[in-house]
Amino acid sequence: MTVINELKKINEIIRHPCNIKLEIPYVVDNYSDVLKEWKNYRLNSQLPAIAGDENLKNIFDFHKITTDHIILYWSMNQPTCLLMCKIDNKYINMTAPMLLDTATYSFVATYT
């Protein structure tokens, strides 16, 4: 699948209403921290920095198993949000502007 087709699919999925939205207590200065935790979990099934958080484990399990979805993470006070996409079993990560002016807490939302 070409990059254009993957981006079209991401655009289509993100236009659907979110399936789940969870408030989470994690605030990061850089989304690369999240991607490091994801990589560690994907390879080792371990969450050392945030051990014991069942919601985060479930989100990462969802990301490993489910195909064609987006996990949107916004960390409080960031101008952008992280989109962790899985399209045709390919992981694609990108940031996008945060468009909700009323959000006051970090959250994760899933889209399928």
Protein backbone atom coordinates (compact mmCIF):
# COMPACT_ATOMS: atom_id res chain seq x y z
CA MET A 1 0.00 0.00 0.00
CA THR A 2 1.39 3.41 -0.87
CA VAL A 3 1.77 6.24 1.59
CA ILE A 4 -1.05 8.16 -0.11
CA ASN A 5 -3.46 5.25 0.38
CA GLU A 6 -2.43 4.87 4.02
CA LEU A 7 -3.03 8.58 4.65
CA LYS A 8 -6.42 8.34 2.96
CA LYS A 9 -7.36 5.45 5.24
CA ILE A 10 -6.17 7.36 8.32
CA ASN A 11 -8.21 10.38 7.21
CA GLU A 12 -11.27 8.17 6.77
CA ILE A 13 -10.92 6.49 10.18
CA ILE A 14 -10.34 9.72 12.14
CA ARG A 15 -13.59 11.13 10.74
CA HIS A 16 -15.58 8.43 12.56
CA PRO A 17 -16.73 9.10 16.13
CA CYS A 18 -14.26 7.77 18.68
CA ASN A 19 -14.99 4.35 20.17
CA ILE A 20 -13.55 5.03 23.60
CA LYS A 21 -12.21 8.13 25.34
CA LEU A 22 -10.30 7.74 28.60
CA GLU A 23 -8.92 10.41 30.88
CA ILE A 24 -5.39 9.44 31.83
CA PRO A 25 -3.06 10.90 34.45
CA TYR A 26 0.04 11.03 32.25
CA VAL A 27 1.53 14.29 31.06
CA VAL A 28 4.59 14.22 28.81
CA ASP A 29 6.82 16.97 27.48
CA ASN A 30 7.61 15.00 24.35
CA TYR A 31 5.57 12.36 22.54
CA SER A 32 8.75 10.42 21.83
CA ASP A 33 8.50 9.25 25.47
CA VAL A 34 5.18 7.58 24.63
CA LEU A 35 6.61 5.97 21.51
CA LYS A 36 9.54 4.58 23.54
CA GLU A 37 7.10 2.98 25.98
CA TRP A 38 5.07 1.59 23.08
CA LYS A 39 8.17 0.12 21.42
CA ASN A 40 9.26 -1.48 24.69
CA TYR A 41 5.79 -2.92 25.24
CA ARG A 42 5.49 -4.18 21.65
CA LEU A 43 8.83 -5.99 21.86
CA ASN A 44 8.85 -7.09 25.52
CA SER A 45 5.23 -6.81 26.76
CA GLN A 46 6.51 -4.69 29.65
CA LEU A 47 5.55 -1.24 30.90
CA PRO A 48 8.34 -0.47 33.37
CA ALA A 49 7.79 3.29 33.64
CA ILE A 50 4.06 2.94 34.22
CA ALA A 51 3.72 -0.52 35.69
CA GLY A 52 0.32 -1.41 36.99
CA ASP A 53 -1.75 0.86 34.74
CA GLU A 54 -4.36 -1.52 33.36
CA ASN A 55 -5.90 1.10 31.04
CA LEU A 56 -2.58 1.75 29.33
CA LYS A 57 -1.85 -1.96 29.06
CA ASN A 58 -5.27 -2.48 27.44
CA ILE A 59 -4.66 0.36 24.99
CA PHE A 60 -1.27 -1.04 24.00
CA ASP A 61 -2.77 -4.54 23.67
CA PHE A 62 -5.47 -3.08 21.42
CA HIS A 63 -2.74 -1.43 19.33
CA LYS A 64 -0.86 -4.74 18.96
CA ILE A 65 -3.89 -6.84 18.02
CA THR A 66 -6.45 -4.71 16.22
CA THR A 67 -5.81 -3.66 12.65
CA ASP A 68 -6.86 -0.42 10.93
CA HIS A 69 -7.30 1.91 13.87
CA ILE A 70 -6.00 5.11 15.41
CA ILE A 71 -5.11 5.81 19.00
CA LEU A 72 -5.14 9.54 19.67
CA TYR A 73 -3.23 10.73 22.73
CA TRP A 74 -3.25 14.30 23.92
CA SER A 75 -1.00 15.31 26.78
CA MET A 76 -2.34 18.25 28.74
CA ASN A 77 -1.04 21.66 27.62
CA GLN A 78 0.51 20.35 24.38
CA PRO A 79 -0.32 22.15 21.11
CA THR A 80 -0.43 18.83 19.25
CA CYS A 81 -1.76 15.33 19.79
CA LEU A 82 -0.12 12.02 18.90
CA LEU A 83 -1.82 9.72 16.41
CA MET A 84 -0.64 6.14 16.74
CA CYS A 85 -2.09 4.44 13.67
CA LYS A 86 -2.11 0.84 12.54
CA ILE A 87 -3.08 0.45 8.90
CA ASP A 88 -2.81 -2.93 7.15
CA ASN A 89 -0.54 -4.14 9.99
CA LYS A 90 1.83 -1.21 9.51
CA TYR A 91 2.44 1.17 12.44
CA ILE A 92 2.35 4.87 11.49
CA ASN A 93 2.89 7.62 14.06
CA MET A 94 2.28 11.32 13.49
CA THR A 95 1.27 14.45 15.30
CA ALA A 96 -1.63 16.73 14.49
CA PRO A 97 -2.81 20.06 15.89
CA MET A 98 -4.94 19.82 19.01
CA LEU A 99 -8.26 21.37 18.03
CA LEU A 100 -10.24 21.03 21.28
CA ASP A 101 -9.96 24.28 23.19
CA THR A 102 -11.96 22.97 26.13
CA ALA A 103 -9.83 19.92 27.05
CA THR A 104 -8.38 20.27 30.55
CA TYR A 105 -6.90 16.80 31.11
CA SER A 106 -4.77 14.32 29.19
CA PHE A 107 -6.77 11.69 27.32
CA VAL A 108 -6.64 8.77 24.93
CA ALA A 109 -9.29 8.09 22.28
CA THR A 110 -9.56 5.14 19.90
CA TYR A 111 -10.96 5.19 16.38
CA THR A 112 -11.77 2.22 14.13
